Amino acid sequence: MKNKSSPKGCIQLVCVLLVLPGLILATTGIVWWQGTYRWARNAAHAEGVVIALTGGNGSSSSPVIEYSDAQGQQHIYRTVIGTNPSAYSVGDKVDILYEQSRPATAAINHWLFLYFFPIFLGGFAVVNFMVVGGLYVIAMLIFMLVRNQENGAAETTTP
């Protein structure tokens, strides 16, 4: 007798393979968020001043911020996240978080600069789960309809 692979099993395998990237994204986002949260909770605060804006000219601009650590040492922080229009102007005061043991490791104390990427990854994971879940439900409904039609056709041909 020939071993026939079940379409239901194939659908489930494909869905599992499609869910894996979503799981990786969700896990990465959660771990990143937790690490950032812990880092921010333990970080020291300093008042910084925007001394320049990088980028611009129709594209996003990122603030360059000067701040002093607890020992009075001056540091420059350049964020990698830019906005259009710019969220800051030269001369704006900004709350900076920095690592006490490494004061050059800093971030702007704002959700966008701290948690944007973890939230972005989590959002992609949610979309992945919704799309794959929806496709799974549709595929299973089609599978059940075809199976019911096959069973109905088999019943009508049986004497």
N, C-alpha and C. Protein backbone atom coordinates (compact mmCIF):
# COMPACT_ATOMS: atom_id res chain seq x y z
N MET A 1 0.84 -1.17 0.00
CA MET A 1 0.00 0.00 0.00
C MET A 1 0.88 1.24 0.00
N LYS A 2 0.50 2.20 -0.78
CA LYS A 2 1.26 3.42 -0.96
C LYS A 2 0.99 4.37 0.22
N ASN A 3 2.09 4.96 0.79
CA ASN A 3 1.95 5.91 1.90
C ASN A 3 1.64 7.29 1.33
N LYS A 4 0.45 7.77 1.61
CA LYS A 4 0.02 9.05 1.09
C LYS A 4 0.19 10.11 2.19
N SER A 5 0.89 11.21 1.86
CA SER A 5 1.06 12.26 2.87
C SER A 5 -0.24 13.04 2.99
N SER A 6 -0.57 13.37 4.20
CA SER A 6 -1.81 14.08 4.50
C SER A 6 -1.67 15.56 4.17
N PRO A 7 -2.64 16.12 3.43
CA PRO A 7 -2.60 17.56 3.18
C PRO A 7 -2.65 18.35 4.49
N LYS A 8 -3.37 17.82 5.47
CA LYS A 8 -3.47 18.48 6.76
C LYS A 8 -2.09 18.56 7.40
N GLY A 9 -1.32 17.49 7.33
CA GLY A 9 0.04 17.48 7.88
C GLY A 9 0.95 18.46 7.16
N CYS A 10 0.80 18.56 5.83
CA CYS A 10 1.60 19.51 5.06
C CYS A 10 1.25 20.95 5.43
N ILE A 11 -0.03 21.22 5.61
CA ILE A 11 -0.48 22.56 6.00
C ILE A 11 0.11 22.92 7.36
N GLN A 12 0.06 21.98 8.28
CA GLN A 12 0.59 22.25 9.62
C GLN A 12 2.10 22.47 9.58
N LEU A 13 2.81 21.70 8.78
CA LEU A 13 4.26 21.86 8.66
C LEU A 13 4.60 23.22 8.08
N VAL A 14 3.90 23.62 7.03
CA VAL A 14 4.16 24.93 6.42
C VAL A 14 3.88 26.04 7.42
N CYS A 15 2.78 25.93 8.17
CA CYS A 15 2.46 26.96 9.16
C CYS A 15 3.52 27.03 10.25
N VAL A 16 4.01 25.89 10.70
CA VAL A 16 5.07 25.90 11.72
C VAL A 16 6.31 26.59 11.16
N LEU A 17 6.66 26.29 9.91
CA LEU A 17 7.83 26.93 9.31
C LEU A 17 7.63 28.43 9.13
N LEU A 18 6.39 28.85 8.87
CA LEU A 18 6.11 30.28 8.72
C LEU A 18 6.05 30.99 10.08
N VAL A 19 5.70 30.27 11.14
CA VAL A 19 5.61 30.87 12.47
C VAL A 19 7.01 31.07 13.07
N LEU A 20 7.97 30.25 12.68
CA LEU A 20 9.32 30.35 13.27
C LEU A 20 9.93 31.75 13.16
N PRO A 21 9.87 32.42 12.01
CA PRO A 21 10.41 33.79 11.97
C PRO A 21 9.70 34.72 12.95
N GLY A 22 8.39 34.56 13.09
CA GLY A 22 7.64 35.37 14.05
C GLY A 22 8.08 35.12 15.48
N LEU A 23 8.33 33.85 15.80
CA LEU A 23 8.82 33.52 17.14
C LEU A 23 10.20 34.12 17.40
N ILE A 24 11.05 34.08 16.38
CA ILE A 24 12.39 34.66 16.51
C ILE A 24 12.27 36.17 16.71
N LEU A 25 11.42 36.83 15.91
CA LEU A 25 11.23 38.27 16.05
C LEU A 25 10.67 38.62 17.43
N ALA A 26 9.66 37.87 17.87
CA ALA A 26 9.04 38.14 19.17
C ALA A 26 10.06 37.96 20.29
N THR A 27 10.81 36.88 20.25
CA THR A 27 11.81 36.62 21.28
C THR A 27 12.88 37.71 21.29
N THR A 28 13.36 38.08 20.11
CA THR A 28 14.37 39.13 20.01
C THR A 28 13.84 40.44 20.56
N GLY A 29 12.61 40.80 20.19
CA GLY A 29 12.01 42.03 20.68
C GLY A 29 11.85 42.04 22.19
N ILE A 30 11.39 40.94 22.75
CA ILE A 30 11.19 40.85 24.20
C ILE A 30 12.53 40.94 24.94
N VAL A 31 13.52 40.19 24.48
CA VAL A 31 14.83 40.21 25.13
C VAL A 31 15.44 41.61 25.02
N TRP A 32 15.33 42.23 23.85
CA TRP A 32 15.87 43.58 23.64
C TRP A 32 15.16 44.57 24.57
N TRP A 33 13.82 44.49 24.65
CA TRP A 33 13.06 45.39 25.50
C TRP A 33 13.47 45.22 26.97
N GLN A 34 13.57 43.97 27.43
CA GLN A 34 13.95 43.72 28.82
C GLN A 34 15.34 44.26 29.13
N GLY A 35 16.28 44.04 28.23
CA GLY A 35 17.64 44.54 28.43
C GLY A 35 17.67 46.06 28.48
N THR A 36 16.93 46.70 27.59
CA THR A 36 16.86 48.16 27.58
C THR A 36 16.20 48.67 28.84
N TYR A 37 15.13 48.01 29.26
CA TYR A 37 14.42 48.43 30.48
C TYR A 37 15.34 48.35 31.69
N ARG A 38 16.05 47.24 31.83
CA ARG A 38 16.99 47.08 32.95
C ARG A 38 18.09 48.13 32.89
N TRP A 39 18.63 48.33 31.69
CA TRP A 39 19.70 49.32 31.52
C TRP A 39 19.20 50.71 31.91
N ALA A 40 18.01 51.10 31.43
CA ALA A 40 17.46 52.43 31.71
C ALA A 40 17.16 52.60 33.20
N ARG A 41 16.68 51.55 33.83
CA ARG A 41 16.36 51.61 35.26
C ARG A 41 17.61 51.86 36.11
N ASN A 42 18.75 51.32 35.68
CA ASN A 42 20.00 51.45 36.43
C ASN A 42 20.88 52.60 35.96
N ALA A 43 20.48 53.28 34.91
CA ALA A 43 21.31 54.34 34.33
C ALA A 43 21.24 55.62 35.16
N ALA A 44 22.28 56.42 35.04
CA ALA A 44 22.31 57.74 35.67
C ALA A 44 21.67 58.74 34.72
N HIS A 45 21.15 59.82 35.27
CA HIS A 45 20.52 60.88 34.47
C HIS A 45 21.45 62.08 34.37
N ALA A 46 21.38 62.74 33.24
CA ALA A 46 22.10 64.01 33.06
C ALA A 46 21.26 64.88 32.13
N GLU A 47 21.41 66.18 32.31
CA GLU A 47 20.74 67.09 31.38
C GLU A 47 21.71 67.39 30.25
N GLY A 48 21.26 67.10 29.04
CA GLY A 48 22.08 67.37 27.87
C GLY A 48 21.50 68.53 27.08
N VAL A 49 22.32 69.05 26.17
CA VAL A 49 21.90 70.15 25.31
C VAL A 49 22.16 69.74 23.87
N VAL A 50 21.17 69.93 23.01
CA VAL A 50 21.35 69.63 21.59
C VAL A 50 22.30 70.69 21.01
N ILE A 51 23.44 70.23 20.49
CA ILE A 51 24.43 71.16 19.95
C ILE A 51 24.43 71.18 18.43
N ALA A 52 23.79 70.15 17.81
CA ALA A 52 23.74 70.10 16.35
C ALA A 52 22.67 69.09 15.94
N LEU A 53 22.30 69.16 14.68
CA LEU A 53 21.40 68.18 14.08
C LEU A 53 22.10 67.60 12.86
N THR A 54 22.16 66.28 12.77
CA THR A 54 22.76 65.65 11.59
C THR A 54 21.66 65.24 10.64
N GLY A 55 21.97 65.13 9.38
CA GLY A 55 20.96 64.79 8.38
C GLY A 55 20.27 66.05 7.92
N GLY A 56 18.96 65.97 7.83
CA GLY A 56 18.20 67.13 7.39
C GLY A 56 18.05 67.17 5.88
N ASN A 57 17.84 68.35 5.33
CA ASN A 57 17.65 68.54 3.88
C ASN A 57 16.58 67.63 3.32
N GLY A 58 15.42 67.61 3.97
CA GLY A 58 14.32 66.78 3.48
C GLY A 58 14.30 65.38 4.04
N SER A 59 15.42 64.95 4.65
CA SER A 59 15.44 63.62 5.25
C SER A 59 15.33 63.78 6.77
N SER A 60 15.39 62.68 7.46
CA SER A 60 15.30 62.75 8.92
C SER A 60 16.57 63.36 9.50
N SER A 61 16.41 64.00 10.65
CA SER A 61 17.58 64.57 11.32
C SER A 61 17.69 63.99 12.72
N SER A 62 18.93 63.81 13.13
CA SER A 62 19.23 63.22 14.43
C SER A 62 19.96 64.25 15.29
N PRO A 63 19.59 64.33 16.57
CA PRO A 63 20.27 65.31 17.43
C PRO A 63 21.65 64.83 17.88
N VAL A 64 22.56 65.77 18.00
CA VAL A 64 23.87 65.54 18.61
C VAL A 64 23.81 66.27 19.94
N ILE A 65 24.03 65.54 21.03
CA ILE A 65 23.80 66.07 22.37
C ILE A 65 25.08 66.06 23.18
N GLU A 66 25.31 67.17 23.87
CA GLU A 66 26.45 67.26 24.78
C GLU A 66 25.90 67.19 26.21
N TYR A 67 26.57 66.38 27.04
CA TYR A 67 26.15 66.25 28.44
C TYR A 67 27.38 66.01 29.30
N SER A 68 27.20 66.22 30.59
CA SER A 68 28.28 65.99 31.56
C SER A 68 27.88 64.87 32.49
N ASP A 69 28.83 63.97 32.79
CA ASP A 69 28.54 62.90 33.73
C ASP A 69 28.69 63.42 35.16
N ALA A 70 28.52 62.55 36.14
CA ALA A 70 28.56 62.95 37.56
C ALA A 70 29.92 63.52 37.97
N GLN A 71 31.00 63.16 37.26
CA GLN A 71 32.32 63.67 37.57
C GLN A 71 32.62 64.98 36.82
N GLY A 72 31.67 65.46 36.05
CA GLY A 72 31.86 66.71 35.31
C GLY A 72 32.52 66.54 33.95
N GLN A 73 32.78 65.32 33.55
CA GLN A 73 33.40 65.03 32.25
C GLN A 73 32.37 65.24 31.14
N GLN A 74 32.74 65.99 30.11
CA GLN A 74 31.84 66.27 28.98
C GLN A 74 31.84 65.08 28.01
N HIS A 75 30.66 64.78 27.46
CA HIS A 75 30.51 63.71 26.48
C HIS A 75 29.59 64.19 25.36
N ILE A 76 29.78 63.60 24.21
CA ILE A 76 28.92 63.88 23.05
C ILE A 76 28.18 62.59 22.71
N TYR A 77 26.86 62.71 22.55
CA TYR A 77 26.04 61.56 22.18
C TYR A 77 25.37 61.84 20.83
N ARG A 78 25.55 60.90 19.91
CA ARG A 78 24.92 60.99 18.59
C ARG A 78 23.94 59.82 18.47
N THR A 79 22.68 60.13 18.35
CA THR A 79 21.69 59.07 18.23
C THR A 79 21.63 58.57 16.79
N VAL A 80 21.24 57.32 16.62
CA VAL A 80 21.11 56.75 15.28
C VAL A 80 19.69 56.89 14.74
N ILE A 81 18.77 57.31 15.61
CA ILE A 81 17.38 57.45 15.19
C ILE A 81 17.12 58.90 14.84
N GLY A 82 16.61 59.12 13.65
CA GLY A 82 16.27 60.46 13.22
C GLY A 82 14.79 60.59 12.99
N THR A 83 14.28 61.80 13.02
CA THR A 83 12.87 62.05 12.78
C THR A 83 12.73 63.16 11.75
N ASN A 84 11.59 63.16 11.08
CA ASN A 84 11.28 64.22 10.12
C ASN A 84 9.83 64.61 10.31
N PRO A 85 9.52 65.77 10.79
CA PRO A 85 10.45 66.86 11.14
C PRO A 85 11.23 66.52 12.40
N SER A 86 12.28 67.26 12.62
CA SER A 86 13.15 66.99 13.75
C SER A 86 12.40 67.15 15.07
N ALA A 87 12.62 66.22 15.98
CA ALA A 87 11.99 66.27 17.30
C ALA A 87 12.67 67.31 18.19
N TYR A 88 13.88 67.71 17.82
CA TYR A 88 14.65 68.64 18.64
C TYR A 88 15.20 69.77 17.79
N SER A 89 15.51 70.86 18.47
CA SER A 89 16.19 72.00 17.85
C SER A 89 17.48 72.24 18.60
N VAL A 90 18.44 72.89 17.95
CA VAL A 90 19.69 73.23 18.61
C VAL A 90 19.37 74.10 19.82
N GLY A 91 19.96 73.76 20.96
CA GLY A 91 19.73 74.48 22.20
C GLY A 91 18.72 73.82 23.11
N ASP A 92 17.94 72.85 22.60
CA ASP A 92 16.96 72.14 23.44
C ASP A 92 17.67 71.37 24.54
N LYS A 93 17.04 71.34 25.70
CA LYS A 93 17.55 70.53 26.80
C LYS A 93 16.92 69.14 26.71
N VAL A 94 17.73 68.11 26.94
CA VAL A 94 17.30 66.72 26.77
C VAL A 94 17.75 65.90 27.98
N ASP A 95 16.85 65.06 28.49
CA ASP A 95 17.22 64.15 29.57
C ASP A 95 17.99 62.98 28.97
N ILE A 96 19.21 62.80 29.42
CA ILE A 96 20.08 61.74 28.92
C ILE A 96 20.25 60.67 30.00
N LEU A 97 20.20 59.42 29.59
CA LEU A 97 20.56 58.30 30.46
C LEU A 97 21.95 57.85 30.05
N TYR A 98 22.79 57.56 31.03
CA TYR A 98 24.11 57.04 30.69
C TYR A 98 24.53 56.01 31.73
N GLU A 99 25.42 55.14 31.30
CA GLU A 99 25.93 54.09 32.16
C GLU A 99 27.01 54.69 33.06
N GLN A 100 26.88 54.54 34.37
CA GLN A 100 27.83 55.16 35.29
C GLN A 100 29.25 54.63 35.11
N SER A 101 29.39 53.36 34.83
CA SER A 101 30.73 52.78 34.65
C SER A 101 31.32 53.14 33.29
N ARG A 102 30.46 53.46 32.32
CA ARG A 102 30.91 53.87 30.98
C ARG A 102 30.04 55.05 30.53
N PRO A 103 30.36 56.24 30.99
CA PRO A 103 29.49 57.40 30.72
C PRO A 103 29.29 57.73 29.24
N ALA A 104 30.15 57.23 28.38
CA ALA A 104 29.98 57.49 26.95
C ALA A 104 28.85 56.64 26.36
N THR A 105 28.40 55.61 27.09
CA THR A 105 27.28 54.79 26.65
C THR A 105 26.00 55.46 27.13
N ALA A 106 25.27 56.07 26.20
CA ALA A 106 24.14 56.91 26.59
C ALA A 106 22.95 56.70 25.65
N ALA A 107 21.83 57.27 26.06
CA ALA A 107 20.62 57.27 25.24
C ALA A 107 19.73 58.41 25.71
N ILE A 108 18.90 58.90 24.81
CA ILE A 108 17.91 59.91 25.17
C ILE A 108 16.80 59.20 25.95
N ASN A 109 16.39 59.80 27.05
CA ASN A 109 15.35 59.20 27.89
C ASN A 109 13.98 59.51 27.30
N HIS A 110 13.66 58.79 26.24
CA HIS A 110 12.38 58.94 25.54
C HIS A 110 12.05 57.57 24.94
N TRP A 111 10.78 57.18 24.97
CA TRP A 111 10.40 55.85 24.49
C TRP A 111 10.87 55.60 23.06
N LEU A 112 10.82 56.61 22.19
CA LEU A 112 11.21 56.42 20.80
C LEU A 112 12.66 55.96 20.69
N PHE A 113 13.52 56.60 21.45
CA PHE A 113 14.94 56.30 21.37
C PHE A 113 15.32 55.05 22.17
N LEU A 114 14.50 54.68 23.14
CA LEU A 114 14.81 53.50 23.95
C LEU A 114 14.14 52.23 23.42
N TYR A 115 12.86 52.34 23.05
CA TYR A 115 12.07 51.13 22.80
C TYR A 115 11.51 50.98 21.39
N PHE A 116 11.87 51.87 20.47
CA PHE A 116 11.32 51.79 19.12
C PHE A 116 11.61 50.45 18.45
N PHE A 117 12.86 50.04 18.45
CA PHE A 117 13.22 48.80 17.75
C PHE A 117 12.61 47.55 18.37
N PRO A 118 12.60 47.40 19.71
CA PRO A 118 11.91 46.23 20.27
C PRO A 118 10.41 46.22 19.94
N ILE A 119 9.77 47.39 19.98
CA ILE A 119 8.34 47.46 19.65
C ILE A 119 8.13 47.14 18.17
N PHE A 120 9.01 47.62 17.33
CA PHE A 120 8.94 47.35 15.89
C PHE A 120 9.03 45.84 15.62
N LEU A 121 9.98 45.18 16.27
CA LEU A 121 10.12 43.73 16.09
C LEU A 121 8.89 42.99 16.61
N GLY A 122 8.40 43.42 17.77
CA GLY A 122 7.19 42.81 18.32
C GLY A 122 6.00 43.00 17.40
N GLY A 123 5.88 44.17 16.80
CA GLY A 123 4.79 44.43 15.86
C GLY A 123 4.88 43.52 14.64
N PHE A 124 6.08 43.32 14.13
CA PHE A 124 6.26 42.40 13.00
C PHE A 124 5.86 40.99 13.41
N ALA A 125 6.20 40.59 14.62
CA ALA A 125 5.85 39.25 15.10
C ALA A 125 4.34 39.10 15.18
N VAL A 126 3.64 40.11 15.70
CA VAL A 126 2.18 40.04 15.80
C VAL A 126 1.56 39.92 14.41
N VAL A 127 2.05 40.72 13.46
CA VAL A 127 1.54 40.63 12.09
C VAL A 127 1.80 39.23 11.52
N ASN A 128 2.99 38.71 11.76
CA ASN A 128 3.32 37.36 11.29
C ASN A 128 2.34 36.35 11.86
N PHE A 129 2.09 36.40 13.17
CA PHE A 129 1.18 35.44 13.80
C PHE A 129 -0.23 35.59 13.25
N MET A 130 -0.68 36.82 13.02
CA MET A 130 -2.03 37.03 12.50
C MET A 130 -2.16 36.50 11.07
N VAL A 131 -1.18 36.78 10.24
CA VAL A 131 -1.23 36.33 8.84
C VAL A 131 -1.16 34.81 8.78
N VAL A 132 -0.19 34.23 9.47
CA VAL A 132 -0.04 32.77 9.45
C VAL A 132 -1.27 32.10 10.07
N GLY A 133 -1.76 32.65 11.17
CA GLY A 133 -2.96 32.09 11.80
C GLY A 133 -4.16 32.16 10.87
N GLY A 134 -4.33 33.30 10.20
CA GLY A 134 -5.43 33.45 9.24
C GLY A 134 -5.30 32.47 8.08
N LEU A 135 -4.09 32.34 7.55
CA LEU A 135 -3.86 31.39 6.45
C LEU A 135 -4.12 29.97 6.90
N TYR A 136 -3.74 29.65 8.14
CA TYR A 136 -3.97 28.30 8.66
C TYR A 136 -5.47 28.02 8.76
N VAL A 137 -6.23 28.96 9.30
CA VAL A 137 -7.68 28.78 9.42
C VAL A 137 -8.31 28.61 8.04
N ILE A 138 -7.92 29.44 7.08
CA ILE A 138 -8.46 29.33 5.72
C ILE A 138 -8.10 27.98 5.11
N ALA A 139 -6.84 27.58 5.25
CA ALA A 139 -6.41 26.30 4.68
C ALA A 139 -7.15 25.13 5.32
N MET A 140 -7.36 25.19 6.63
CA MET A 140 -8.08 24.10 7.29
C MET A 140 -9.55 24.06 6.88
N LEU A 141 -10.15 25.25 6.68
CA LEU A 141 -11.54 25.28 6.20
C LEU A 141 -11.65 24.67 4.81
N ILE A 142 -10.72 25.02 3.94
CA ILE A 142 -10.71 24.44 2.59
C ILE A 142 -10.51 22.93 2.67
N PHE A 143 -9.57 22.50 3.51
CA PHE A 143 -9.31 21.08 3.69
C PHE A 143 -10.58 20.35 4.14
N MET A 144 -11.29 20.93 5.13
CA MET A 144 -12.52 20.30 5.64
C MET A 144 -13.62 20.27 4.57
N LEU A 145 -13.73 21.35 3.78
CA LEU A 145 -14.73 21.37 2.71
C LEU A 145 -14.45 20.29 1.66
N VAL A 146 -13.19 20.20 1.26
CA VAL A 146 -12.81 19.18 0.26
C VAL A 146 -13.05 17.79 0.83
N ARG A 147 -12.67 17.56 2.08
CA ARG A 147 -12.87 16.26 2.72
C ARG A 147 -14.36 15.92 2.79
N ASN A 148 -15.20 16.90 3.16
CA ASN A 148 -16.65 16.67 3.23
C ASN A 148 -17.23 16.36 1.86
N GLN A 149 -16.74 17.06 0.83
CA GLN A 149 -17.22 16.80 -0.52
C GLN A 149 -16.81 15.40 -0.98
N GLU A 150 -15.57 15.01 -0.65
CA GLU A 150 -15.10 13.66 -1.01
C GLU A 150 -15.93 12.60 -0.28
N ASN A 151 -16.21 12.81 1.00
CA ASN A 151 -17.01 11.86 1.76
C ASN A 151 -18.44 11.83 1.24
N GLY A 152 -18.99 12.99 0.89
CA GLY A 152 -20.35 13.04 0.33
C GLY A 152 -20.41 12.34 -1.01
N ALA A 153 -19.40 12.50 -1.84
CA ALA A 153 -19.37 11.84 -3.15
C ALA A 153 -19.20 10.35 -2.98
N ALA A 154 -18.40 9.93 -2.00
CA ALA A 154 -18.20 8.50 -1.77
C ALA A 154 -19.48 7.85 -1.25
N GLU A 155 -20.25 8.56 -0.41
CA GLU A 155 -21.50 8.01 0.12
C GLU A 155 -22.56 7.85 -0.97
N THR A 156 -22.59 8.76 -1.93
CA THR A 156 -23.61 8.66 -2.99
C THR A 156 -23.30 7.58 -3.98
N THR A 157 -22.03 7.17 -4.10
CA THR A 157 -21.68 6.11 -5.06
C THR A 157 -21.71 4.74 -4.43
N THR A 158 -21.83 4.63 -3.12
CA THR A 158 -21.86 3.34 -2.46
C THR A 158 -23.27 2.75 -2.55
N PRO A 159 -23.37 1.44 -2.98
CA PRO A 159 -24.70 0.84 -3.11
C PRO A 159 -25.35 0.53 -1.80
